[in-house]
Amino acid sequence: MNDRRPGLDRRAFLRLTALGVGAGAVVTLTGCGTFDSRGPIDTVGTVDFRNRLRIPPLAESTQRDGTTVFNLTAQAGRTAIVAAGETDTWGINGSMLGPTLRARRGETVQINVTNELDEATTSHWHGMHLPAAFDGGSHQTIHPGDTWSPSWTINQPAATLWYHPHPHGQTERHIYRGLGGLFILDDDDESALDLPRDYGVDDIPVIVQDKTFDDQGQLVETSRRDNGMIGNTIVVNGTAGPVLDVTAQRTRLRLLNASTARSYSFGFSDDREFAMIASDGGLLREPTRLTRLLLTPGERAEIIVEMSAGHTTTLRSYPQDLGLSSSRSRSTGATDTLDILLLQAGGSLAPSEAIPSRLATIDPLDESSAVETREFELRNDRINRESMDMNRIDDVVTVDTTEVWEVWNGHRQPHNFHVHDVQFQILSIDGRDPSPELSGWKDTVYLPPDVRLRLIMRFTEYTDPAMPYMYHCHLLWHEDRGMMGQFVVVEPGQEPGPIDSDHDH
C-alpha cells in the first residue's frame, strides 16, 4: 500500500526536505509494521526547566608503557531523573550513562570494560576505526563478572563518537536503561582552529534521549509497536528539564541522538541560525548555517550557537514530515514539538573568536577506483531479504580497496543505515548531490522511503577473516529483530573463515 500522502511525489518530497537537514526542512520517522494513531505531543511552555544540565565527567586514565588506559564498569543503580521519585537504571562508572572518553589521534588506548550487571552486554565504539575483534559488536560478549580489554591506536580525524552496548537482540533495552557515553577524538588540525573547546564550559555534550516514566518516577519500557519505544519525556545527559548556563558568546554543542527510535529536527525557539561545523566523522569543509537539523538515532553533529548577554533560547525538536501517512507520523512522534534544553546567558559573556570560514580538508573518494558496488535493501526487518545470523558472513571485503554501497529503504517505512569500522561519503541521493550538511564523513545516515543513496567508503589497515563487522538499521528495535548483516575484511586472495567463537568472552 502506498503510504505517501496524496499530492507529494518523491521528487517534490526531496525538494521540500533535502533529507530534513537543510535550513527550515523537517523530517519524520515512522514504524515498521503495525502502528497506533496517538495525538501529537507539544511540550512548549510546559517543561519545568529547573535542573542544571549534568555534564558527564571526563574519564580518568592512567599511562602504562605508552598506552592510555581507561577503566569502565557497567553497573546497575538508582537515579532520580524526574521529580516523582528514583528509578532503576544502568550506567557506566555510575548509575546512568557513562563518562566521556577522550583521546588523540596517534594515541594508543586500552579500555578495560567490566560487567557488573546480572546479564551479558557488550561495549561498541560507534564510529571508530579499529580491529574487528575490538569493535564491541555482538560477538564481543562480556559476561557478568568478566572484564574485556580491547586496545588499539587512534587513527582518524577529530570527531564526536560514542560508545554503547550492542548485544544481539537486546541493544535497544540496554541503551534505554542507561548504558552509553561520548568518545571525543582530538587531532592537531582541529586543535589549531579557533573553536570553543573548554569541555563543560563552552564545549558541551548534549546526549538527547526520550524516556517514559510512571507516577512513581520509575522508568517504563513501553510497547514498541514494531518501531521501537517512543518516550514522552526528554532527558539530556540524564537530566530532565535541563538548563545550560551559557558563559561565552559562542557555545559548541556536541549533539548526539541516543534515542532508540525517535528522530529530532533540532532548532531553537526563536528560529535563530546556528552553525553546523561537524557531522558523525568529524569537521565539515566549512560551517553551514541552518535553522533545522535532522538527527536520526545514532547520528551526531557539532553546532555552534551565538548568544547575547542576558538572553535565553530553547533547543527544540520540531515536527517532521517525510510524506508518510498522518497516522504513522503521529505514532512515531514525528508530529511532536518538544522543548529539550534551556540555554540562559549570564549578564556578561566571555568573548569568543569568530568561527573559521574553513574547517577541514576532505578529499573526495574516487568513484572510478571502486572495485565493487554492493546493493542493500532494507525491508521487513531484513537486509537483502536475510535476517541477521551470527554465524553467517554476508559480505567479504578486500583491505585497501574502495567500494560503493547502494542502499535503499524498500517499503516506505523509516530506517537509517550504520556501518561499523569505516566513515563513508555520500555520492548521491536519488541521483542528486548531498546537501552541505551531508557532505562530510558519516557513519550513519537516514534512508527516506524509496530513495536510493550511494555511499563510498575505503577499507584500510585491519583484516580478520574470522571476525566480522556489522551494518544495520540504527532504529534499535529493527536491529534487534534482525535488520543487520555482517562483513569481514581480508587480505587479497584470502578466504573468509568460520566466525571465531574465541572472541565471545
Protein backbone atom coordinates (compact mmCIF):
# COMPACT_ATOMS: atom_id res chain seq x y z
CA MET A 1 0.00 0.00 0.00
CA ASN A 2 1.27 3.49 -0.78
CA ASP A 3 1.55 5.40 2.49
CA ARG A 4 2.71 8.64 0.93
CA ARG A 5 0.27 11.49 1.29
CA PRO A 6 -1.61 12.44 -1.90
CA GLY A 7 -0.03 15.17 -3.95
CA LEU A 8 3.54 14.69 -2.70
CA ASP A 9 5.62 12.70 -5.16
CA ARG A 10 9.20 11.66 -4.49
CA ARG A 11 10.94 14.50 -6.29
CA ALA A 12 8.71 17.11 -4.65
CA PHE A 13 9.43 15.44 -1.34
CA LEU A 14 13.17 15.65 -1.89
CA ARG A 15 12.97 19.28 -2.93
CA LEU A 16 10.99 20.17 0.16
CA THR A 17 13.04 18.28 2.71
CA ALA A 18 16.56 17.74 1.36
CA LEU A 19 16.57 14.81 3.78
CA GLY A 20 15.39 17.08 6.56
CA VAL A 21 18.73 18.65 7.36
CA GLY A 22 18.61 21.88 5.39
CA ALA A 23 17.56 25.20 6.82
CA GLY A 24 13.87 25.12 7.54
CA ALA A 25 13.43 21.49 6.46
CA VAL A 26 11.91 18.83 8.68
CA VAL A 27 11.67 15.03 8.66
CA THR A 28 9.58 12.24 10.15
CA LEU A 29 10.18 8.73 11.38
CA THR A 30 7.53 6.04 11.31
CA GLY A 31 7.01 2.48 12.39
CA CYS A 32 7.91 -0.79 10.77
CA GLY A 33 4.56 -2.61 10.67
CA THR A 34 1.63 -2.02 12.99
CA PHE A 35 1.14 1.44 14.45
CA ASP A 36 -1.28 3.46 16.50
CA SER A 37 -2.59 6.96 15.93
CA ARG A 38 -1.93 8.85 19.15
CA GLY A 39 -2.18 12.59 19.08
CA PRO A 40 0.91 14.80 18.85
CA ILE A 41 2.78 15.88 21.97
CA ASP A 42 3.53 19.59 22.40
CA THR A 43 5.68 20.45 25.41
CA VAL A 44 6.30 24.11 24.55
CA GLY A 45 5.84 26.13 27.72
CA THR A 46 5.18 23.04 29.86
CA VAL A 47 8.71 21.85 30.69
CA ASP A 48 9.85 22.90 34.16
CA PHE A 49 13.40 23.94 33.33
CA ARG A 50 14.86 23.94 36.82
CA ASN A 51 17.68 21.38 36.77
CA ARG A 52 21.23 22.35 35.92
CA LEU A 53 22.41 20.29 32.94
CA ARG A 54 24.59 17.44 34.12
CA ILE A 55 27.94 17.36 32.34
CA PRO A 56 29.36 13.82 32.12
CA PRO A 57 32.85 13.86 33.66
CA LEU A 58 35.89 13.19 31.55
CA ALA A 59 37.00 9.62 32.17
CA GLU A 60 40.13 9.25 34.27
CA SER A 61 43.05 7.41 32.71
CA THR A 62 46.50 6.11 33.54
CA GLN A 63 49.60 5.62 31.43
CA ARG A 64 51.24 2.20 31.08
CA ASP A 65 54.06 1.51 28.62
CA GLY A 66 52.93 4.28 26.30
CA THR A 67 49.27 3.24 26.39
CA THR A 68 46.43 5.30 27.83
CA VAL A 69 44.31 3.01 29.99
CA PHE A 70 40.67 3.66 30.86
CA ASN A 71 38.58 1.59 33.27
CA LEU A 72 34.82 1.31 32.71
CA THR A 73 32.32 -0.68 34.74
CA ALA A 74 28.76 -1.44 33.63
CA GLN A 75 26.57 -1.47 36.72
CA ALA A 76 23.01 -1.20 37.98
CA GLY A 77 21.91 1.67 40.18
CA ARG A 78 19.18 4.09 41.16
CA THR A 79 18.78 7.54 39.60
CA ALA A 80 16.47 10.45 40.36
CA ILE A 81 15.56 11.70 36.88
CA VAL A 82 12.06 13.13 37.35
CA ALA A 83 10.53 14.66 40.48
CA ALA A 84 8.20 11.70 41.17
CA GLY A 85 10.99 9.52 42.51
CA GLU A 86 14.08 7.40 41.85
CA THR A 87 14.18 4.69 39.22
CA ASP A 88 16.25 1.61 38.48
CA THR A 89 18.85 2.44 35.83
CA TRP A 90 22.08 1.12 34.35
CA GLY A 91 25.24 3.14 33.88
CA ILE A 92 28.98 3.12 33.31
CA ASN A 93 31.02 4.07 36.39
CA GLY A 94 27.79 5.38 37.87
CA SER A 95 24.06 4.84 37.92
CA MET A 96 23.22 6.24 34.45
CA LEU A 97 25.20 6.91 31.26
CA GLY A 98 28.97 7.00 31.45
CA PRO A 99 31.97 9.33 31.49
CA THR A 100 33.22 11.00 28.33
CA LEU A 101 36.25 9.22 26.92
CA ARG A 102 38.78 11.47 25.22
CA ALA A 103 41.82 10.50 23.16
CA ARG A 104 44.07 11.98 20.49
CA ARG A 105 44.95 10.78 17.03
CA GLY A 106 48.10 8.64 17.25
CA GLU A 107 47.38 7.69 20.88
CA THR A 108 47.16 4.01 21.82
CA VAL A 109 44.29 3.27 24.19
CA GLN A 110 43.28 0.27 26.25
CA ILE A 111 39.78 0.19 27.72
CA ASN A 112 39.06 -2.31 30.48
CA VAL A 113 35.31 -2.90 30.48
CA THR A 114 34.00 -4.84 33.48
CA ASN A 115 30.43 -6.13 33.55
CA GLU A 116 28.81 -5.99 36.99
CA LEU A 117 25.29 -6.40 35.59
CA ASP A 118 23.39 -9.63 36.04
CA GLU A 119 23.31 -10.28 32.29
CA ALA A 120 25.76 -10.19 29.39
CA THR A 121 26.39 -6.99 27.46
CA THR A 122 28.96 -5.51 25.07
CA SER A 123 30.63 -2.12 24.51
CA HIS A 124 30.70 -0.93 20.90
CA TRP A 125 32.79 2.10 19.91
CA HIS A 126 30.37 3.70 17.43
CA GLY A 127 32.15 5.49 14.58
CA MET A 128 35.61 4.15 15.48
CA HIS A 129 38.10 2.68 13.01
CA LEU A 130 39.64 -0.31 14.80
CA PRO A 131 40.22 -4.08 14.51
CA ALA A 132 37.05 -6.15 14.25
CA ALA A 133 37.92 -8.16 17.37
CA PHE A 134 37.85 -4.92 19.39
CA ASP A 135 34.77 -3.37 17.77
CA GLY A 136 32.48 -4.38 20.63
CA GLY A 137 29.71 -5.65 18.41
CA SER A 138 27.50 -8.62 19.05
CA HIS A 139 30.40 -11.12 19.07
CA GLN A 140 32.43 -9.43 21.82
CA THR A 141 30.14 -10.50 24.65
CA ILE A 142 31.12 -9.55 28.20
CA HIS A 143 29.52 -11.97 30.62
CA PRO A 144 28.63 -10.98 34.20
CA GLY A 145 31.78 -10.66 36.29
CA ASP A 146 34.11 -10.62 33.28
CA THR A 147 36.41 -7.86 32.01
CA TRP A 148 37.13 -7.22 28.32
CA SER A 149 40.24 -5.19 27.43
CA PRO A 150 40.43 -4.06 23.79
CA SER A 151 43.42 -1.96 22.72
CA TRP A 152 44.09 -0.04 19.51
CA THR A 153 45.77 3.08 18.15
CA ILE A 154 43.51 6.02 17.24
CA ASN A 155 43.92 6.72 13.52
CA GLN A 156 41.14 9.01 12.33
CA PRO A 157 40.26 12.71 12.41
CA ALA A 158 38.93 14.62 15.40
CA ALA A 159 35.25 13.78 15.88
CA THR A 160 32.43 13.24 18.34
CA LEU A 161 31.90 9.48 18.56
CA TRP A 162 30.09 7.48 21.21
CA TYR A 163 30.09 4.11 22.93
CA HIS A 164 27.09 1.94 23.69
CA PRO A 165 26.09 -1.72 24.20
CA HIS A 166 25.46 -3.95 21.20
CA PRO A 167 24.22 -7.35 22.47
CA HIS A 168 22.35 -9.19 19.75
CA GLY A 169 18.60 -8.86 20.28
CA GLN A 170 18.96 -6.68 23.40
CA THR A 171 20.60 -3.45 22.21
CA GLU A 172 17.51 -1.24 22.50
CA ARG A 173 16.80 -2.32 26.07
CA HIS A 174 20.39 -1.88 27.26
CA ILE A 175 20.70 1.64 25.82
CA TYR A 176 17.23 2.63 27.08
CA ARG A 177 18.19 1.59 30.61
CA GLY A 178 21.12 3.99 30.54
CA LEU A 179 24.31 2.49 29.10
CA GLY A 180 26.38 4.76 26.85
CA GLY A 181 28.56 7.85 26.63
CA LEU A 182 30.57 10.12 24.34
CA PHE A 183 34.00 9.31 22.93
CA ILE A 184 35.69 12.53 21.75
CA LEU A 185 38.69 12.36 19.42
CA ASP A 186 41.17 15.23 19.02
CA ASP A 187 43.84 15.93 16.43
CA ASP A 188 46.35 18.67 15.62
CA ASP A 189 44.32 20.16 12.76
CA GLU A 190 41.17 20.64 14.85
CA SER A 191 43.20 21.92 17.81
CA ALA A 192 44.72 24.66 15.63
CA LEU A 193 41.30 26.15 14.87
CA ASP A 194 39.70 28.93 16.91
CA LEU A 195 36.74 26.89 18.13
CA PRO A 196 35.14 26.62 21.56
CA ARG A 197 36.94 23.74 23.30
CA ASP A 198 36.71 24.18 27.08
CA TYR A 199 34.84 20.99 27.94
CA GLY A 200 31.80 21.61 30.09
CA VAL A 201 32.16 25.41 29.77
CA ASP A 202 31.78 26.41 26.11
CA ASP A 203 32.10 22.88 24.63
CA ILE A 204 29.05 20.97 25.85
CA PRO A 205 28.00 17.32 25.40
CA VAL A 206 24.27 17.08 24.61
CA ILE A 207 23.11 13.45 24.76
CA VAL A 208 19.40 13.52 23.90
CA GLN A 209 17.08 10.62 24.78
CA ASP A 210 13.35 10.10 25.19
CA LYS A 211 12.04 8.12 28.16
CA THR A 212 8.71 7.15 29.71
CA PHE A 213 8.13 7.24 33.49
CA ASP A 214 5.25 6.08 35.66
CA ASP A 215 3.64 8.06 38.51
CA GLN A 216 6.39 6.98 40.89
CA GLY A 217 9.16 8.13 38.56
CA GLN A 218 10.07 4.59 37.53
CA LEU A 219 11.46 4.12 34.02
CA VAL A 220 8.94 2.18 31.91
CA GLU A 221 9.62 0.04 28.86
CA THR A 222 6.65 0.79 26.62
CA SER A 223 5.14 -1.09 23.72
CA ARG A 224 7.38 -0.97 20.66
CA ARG A 225 4.59 -1.12 18.05
CA ASP A 226 7.16 -2.66 15.69
CA ASN A 227 9.08 0.61 15.59
CA GLY A 228 10.70 0.89 18.99
CA MET A 229 9.97 2.74 22.19
CA ILE A 230 8.82 6.36 21.81
CA GLY A 231 9.03 8.22 25.11
CA ASN A 232 7.12 11.30 26.24
CA THR A 233 9.85 12.81 28.43
CA ILE A 234 13.09 14.19 27.02
CA VAL A 235 16.29 13.95 29.05
CA VAL A 236 19.67 15.44 28.20
CA ASN A 237 22.76 13.81 29.73
CA GLY A 238 20.27 12.07 32.02
CA THR A 239 18.77 15.40 33.15
CA ALA A 240 15.06 16.19 32.83
CA GLY A 241 14.10 19.87 32.49
CA PRO A 242 17.77 20.79 31.87
CA VAL A 243 19.22 24.31 32.00
CA LEU A 244 22.58 25.26 30.50
CA ASP A 245 24.17 28.40 31.92
CA VAL A 246 25.90 29.96 28.91
CA THR A 247 29.09 31.82 29.79
CA ALA A 248 30.59 32.61 26.36
CA GLN A 249 29.43 34.43 23.26
CA ARG A 250 29.66 31.22 21.26
CA THR A 251 28.99 27.75 22.62
CA ARG A 252 29.73 24.45 20.91
CA LEU A 253 27.06 21.79 21.37
CA ARG A 254 28.04 18.19 20.62
CA LEU A 255 24.62 16.75 19.76
CA LEU A 256 24.04 13.01 19.97
CA ASN A 257 20.71 11.37 19.23
CA ALA A 258 20.97 8.49 21.72
CA SER A 259 17.27 7.65 21.48
CA THR A 260 16.41 4.17 20.35
CA ALA A 261 13.73 5.07 17.79
CA ARG A 262 12.89 8.79 17.83
CA SER A 263 14.41 11.31 15.45
CA TYR A 264 14.79 15.01 16.19
CA SER A 265 14.57 18.05 13.97
CA PHE A 266 16.69 20.39 16.08
CA GLY A 267 16.23 24.14 16.05
CA PHE A 268 15.82 26.97 18.50
CA SER A 269 12.64 28.50 19.88
CA ASP A 270 13.41 31.90 18.31
CA ASP A 271 14.40 30.30 14.98
CA ARG A 272 17.90 31.69 15.26
CA GLU A 273 20.52 30.39 12.86
CA PHE A 274 23.31 28.21 14.14
CA ALA A 275 26.49 26.97 12.50
CA MET A 276 26.95 23.25 11.95
CA ILE A 277 30.69 22.51 11.99
CA ALA A 278 30.90 18.70 12.14
CA SER A 279 28.98 15.53 11.33
CA ASP A 280 29.45 11.94 12.50
CA GLY A 281 33.05 11.53 11.41
CA GLY A 282 34.45 14.98 12.05
CA LEU A 283 34.64 18.54 10.79
CA LEU A 284 32.91 19.70 7.64
CA ARG A 285 34.87 21.58 5.00
CA GLU A 286 33.25 24.82 6.13
CA PRO A 287 30.48 25.85 8.51
CA THR A 288 26.95 25.62 7.21
CA ARG A 289 24.19 27.89 8.53
CA LEU A 290 20.94 26.19 9.50
CA THR A 291 17.72 26.67 11.40
CA ARG A 292 16.80 22.96 11.44
CA LEU A 293 18.93 19.84 11.69
CA LEU A 294 17.72 16.26 11.48
CA LEU A 295 19.46 13.64 13.60
CA THR A 296 18.15 10.08 13.48
CA PRO A 297 19.17 7.50 16.11
CA GLY A 298 22.95 7.17 16.41
CA GLU A 299 23.82 10.33 14.44
CA ARG A 300 25.94 13.16 15.84
CA ALA A 301 26.57 16.77 14.89
CA GLU A 302 28.55 19.63 16.34
CA ILE A 303 26.91 23.04 16.19
CA ILE A 304 27.88 26.49 17.44
CA VAL A 305 25.21 28.83 18.79
CA GLU A 306 25.84 32.51 19.41
CA MET A 307 24.10 34.31 22.29
CA SER A 308 23.93 37.78 23.80
CA ALA A 309 24.27 38.58 27.50
CA GLY A 310 21.06 38.14 29.46
CA HIS A 311 19.19 36.36 26.66
CA THR A 312 17.62 32.90 26.67
CA THR A 313 16.62 30.44 23.98
CA THR A 314 15.39 26.85 23.98
CA LEU A 315 16.78 24.00 21.95
CA ARG A 316 13.68 22.39 20.49
CA SER A 317 12.69 19.50 18.23
CA TYR A 318 10.13 20.48 15.63
CA PRO A 319 7.51 18.38 13.82
CA GLN A 320 8.88 16.33 10.96
CA ASP A 321 7.35 15.35 7.66
CA LEU A 322 8.67 12.77 5.22
CA GLY A 323 5.42 12.46 3.32
CA LEU A 324 4.16 9.41 5.24
CA SER A 325 0.59 8.89 6.34
CA SER A 326 -0.56 11.13 9.16
CA SER A 327 -1.34 8.20 11.46
CA ARG A 328 2.15 6.75 11.05
CA SER A 329 3.68 10.15 11.66
CA ARG A 330 1.73 10.58 14.89
CA SER A 331 2.52 7.10 16.19
CA THR A 332 6.27 7.60 15.89
CA GLY A 333 6.46 11.09 17.38
CA ALA A 334 7.08 12.85 14.09
CA THR A 335 4.29 15.36 14.81
CA ASP A 336 5.63 16.18 18.28
CA THR A 337 7.05 19.56 19.31
CA LEU A 338 9.50 19.04 22.16
CA ASP A 339 11.39 21.55 24.27
CA ILE A 340 14.75 19.95 25.03
CA LEU A 341 17.26 22.30 26.68
CA LEU A 342 17.01 25.87 28.02
CA LEU A 343 20.07 27.99 27.27
CA GLN A 344 20.33 31.07 29.50
CA ALA A 345 23.16 33.53 29.08
CA GLY A 346 24.66 35.35 32.02
CA GLY A 347 24.85 39.11 32.39
CA SER A 348 28.30 39.13 30.87
CA LEU A 349 29.80 36.64 28.44
CA ALA A 350 33.39 35.75 27.72
CA PRO A 351 34.40 36.82 24.20
CA SER A 352 34.69 34.13 21.53
CA GLU A 353 36.63 34.07 18.29
CA ALA A 354 34.69 34.18 15.02
CA ILE A 355 34.01 30.75 13.56
CA PRO A 356 36.71 29.91 10.98
CA SER A 357 35.49 30.05 7.40
CA ARG A 358 37.44 26.89 6.56
CA LEU A 359 37.41 23.90 8.88
CA ALA A 360 38.86 20.79 7.28
CA THR A 361 40.17 19.33 4.05
CA ILE A 362 38.03 16.42 2.94
CA ASP A 363 39.43 14.71 -0.12
CA PRO A 364 36.62 13.04 -2.06
CA LEU A 365 36.98 9.32 -2.52
CA ASP A 366 37.41 8.46 -6.20
CA GLU A 367 34.43 6.51 -7.50
CA SER A 368 36.43 5.32 -10.51
CA SER A 369 38.75 3.45 -8.12
CA ALA A 370 35.91 1.44 -6.56
CA VAL A 371 36.48 -2.29 -7.05
CA GLU A 372 32.99 -3.35 -6.00
CA THR A 373 29.43 -2.00 -5.96
CA ARG A 374 27.12 -3.68 -3.46
CA GLU A 375 23.37 -3.26 -3.06
CA PHE A 376 21.48 -3.29 0.22
CA GLU A 377 17.71 -3.16 0.51
CA LEU A 378 16.14 -2.66 3.95
CA ARG A 379 12.66 -4.14 4.23
CA ASN A 380 10.58 -6.04 6.79
CA ASP A 381 13.28 -6.36 9.48
CA ARG A 382 15.71 -7.77 6.93
CA ILE A 383 18.54 -6.61 4.70
CA ASN A 384 18.53 -8.14 1.24
CA ARG A 385 15.77 -10.47 2.46
CA GLU A 386 18.08 -12.01 5.08
CA SER A 387 17.58 -11.80 8.83
CA MET A 388 20.71 -11.45 10.96
CA ASP A 389 22.57 -14.71 11.54
CA MET A 390 25.53 -14.51 13.94
CA ASN A 391 27.19 -17.42 12.13
CA ARG A 392 26.81 -16.11 8.57
CA ILE A 393 29.23 -13.77 6.79
CA ASP A 394 27.22 -11.72 4.32
CA ASP A 395 29.97 -9.80 2.53
CA VAL A 396 33.73 -10.17 2.05
CA VAL A 397 35.76 -7.01 1.51
CA THR A 398 39.43 -6.78 0.48
CA VAL A 399 41.64 -4.48 2.54
CA ASP A 400 42.96 -1.26 0.97
CA THR A 401 40.13 -1.11 -1.55
CA THR A 402 37.30 1.34 -2.17
CA GLU A 403 33.69 0.24 -2.59
CA VAL A 404 30.36 1.83 -3.44
CA TRP A 405 27.36 0.69 -1.43
CA GLU A 406 23.94 1.47 -2.86
CA VAL A 407 21.41 1.47 -0.03
CA TRP A 408 17.68 2.00 -0.08
CA ASN A 409 14.61 1.62 2.07
CA GLY A 410 12.25 -0.60 0.11
CA HIS A 411 8.97 -0.37 1.97
CA ARG A 412 8.03 3.24 2.74
CA GLN A 413 8.93 2.98 6.42
CA PRO A 414 11.71 4.67 8.38
CA HIS A 415 15.18 3.22 8.56
CA ASN A 416 18.69 4.52 8.76
CA PHE A 417 21.94 2.75 7.94
CA HIS A 418 25.06 2.44 10.09
CA VAL A 419 28.34 0.81 9.03
CA HIS A 420 30.94 -0.28 11.57
CA ASP A 421 34.68 0.49 11.21
CA VAL A 422 34.52 3.00 8.34
CA GLN A 423 33.36 6.53 7.74
CA PHE A 424 31.73 6.97 4.34
CA GLN A 425 30.97 9.80 1.95
CA ILE A 426 27.59 10.20 0.27
CA LEU A 427 27.97 10.25 -3.51
CA SER A 428 24.35 10.93 -4.34
CA ILE A 429 20.79 10.86 -3.04
CA ASP A 430 18.44 9.69 -5.77
CA GLY A 431 20.97 10.96 -8.30
CA ARG A 432 21.43 14.34 -6.64
CA ASP A 433 24.42 15.74 -4.79
CA PRO A 434 24.11 15.66 -1.00
CA SER A 435 23.36 18.91 0.79
CA PRO A 436 26.29 20.60 2.61
CA GLU A 437 25.30 19.03 5.96
CA LEU A 438 25.72 15.58 4.41
CA SER A 439 28.93 16.33 2.53
CA GLY A 440 31.33 15.31 5.31
CA TRP A 441 32.28 11.98 6.85
CA LYS A 442 29.32 9.89 8.01
CA ASP A 443 28.80 6.51 9.62
CA THR A 444 25.00 6.69 9.98
CA VAL A 445 22.51 8.12 7.51
CA TYR A 446 18.74 8.32 7.22
CA LEU A 447 17.08 6.38 4.38
CA PRO A 448 13.90 8.02 3.12
CA PRO A 449 11.43 5.52 1.66
CA ASP A 450 12.11 4.65 -1.98
CA VAL A 451 15.17 6.91 -2.20
CA ARG A 452 18.48 5.37 -3.29
CA LEU A 453 21.64 6.54 -1.53
CA ARG A 454 25.06 5.80 -2.99
CA LEU A 455 27.79 5.64 -0.35
CA ILE A 456 31.52 5.35 -0.98
CA MET A 457 33.97 4.02 1.60
CA ARG A 458 37.52 2.73 1.84
CA PHE A 459 38.60 -0.21 3.99
CA THR A 460 42.09 0.10 5.46
CA GLU A 461 44.57 -1.38 7.95
CA TYR A 462 42.71 -4.14 9.72
CA THR A 463 41.94 -7.63 8.45
CA ASP A 464 40.36 -10.61 10.16
CA PRO A 465 38.80 -13.36 8.05
CA ALA A 466 37.04 -14.87 11.08
CA MET A 467 35.65 -11.83 12.89
CA PRO A 468 33.05 -9.62 11.21
CA TYR A 469 31.97 -6.02 11.48
CA MET A 470 28.27 -5.11 11.31
CA TYR A 471 26.00 -2.95 9.20
CA HIS A 472 22.43 -2.36 10.32
CA CYS A 473 19.49 -0.06 10.88
CA HIS A 474 20.11 2.06 13.98
CA LEU A 475 16.47 2.20 14.93
CA LEU A 476 17.37 -0.34 17.55
CA TRP A 477 14.19 -2.39 17.66
CA HIS A 478 14.68 -3.06 13.93
CA GLU A 479 18.30 -4.08 14.58
CA ASP A 480 17.24 -6.33 17.45
CA ARG A 481 14.65 -8.02 15.24
CA GLY A 482 17.20 -8.88 12.58
CA MET A 483 17.81 -5.86 10.30
CA MET A 484 21.56 -6.36 10.41
CA GLY A 485 24.30 -8.00 8.36
CA GLN A 486 28.00 -8.84 8.74
CA PHE A 487 31.13 -8.33 6.66
CA VAL A 488 34.77 -9.31 7.04
CA VAL A 489 37.84 -7.51 5.71
CA VAL A 490 40.51 -9.85 4.33
CA GLU A 491 43.91 -9.75 2.66
CA PRO A 492 43.94 -10.07 -1.16
CA GLY A 493 43.03 -13.63 -2.11
CA GLN A 494 42.27 -14.63 1.48
CA GLU A 495 39.18 -16.70 2.10
CA PRO A 496 36.85 -15.92 4.98
CA GLY A 497 36.94 -18.48 7.73
CA PRO A 498 34.27 -19.68 10.09
CA ILE A 499 33.43 -16.99 12.62
CA ASP A 500 35.86 -17.22 15.54
CA SER A 501 33.92 -18.05 18.67
CA ASP A 502 37.04 -17.42 20.76
CA HIS A 503 36.15 -13.75 20.66
CA ASP A 504 32.96 -14.47 22.65
CA HIS A 505 34.25 -13.53 26.11
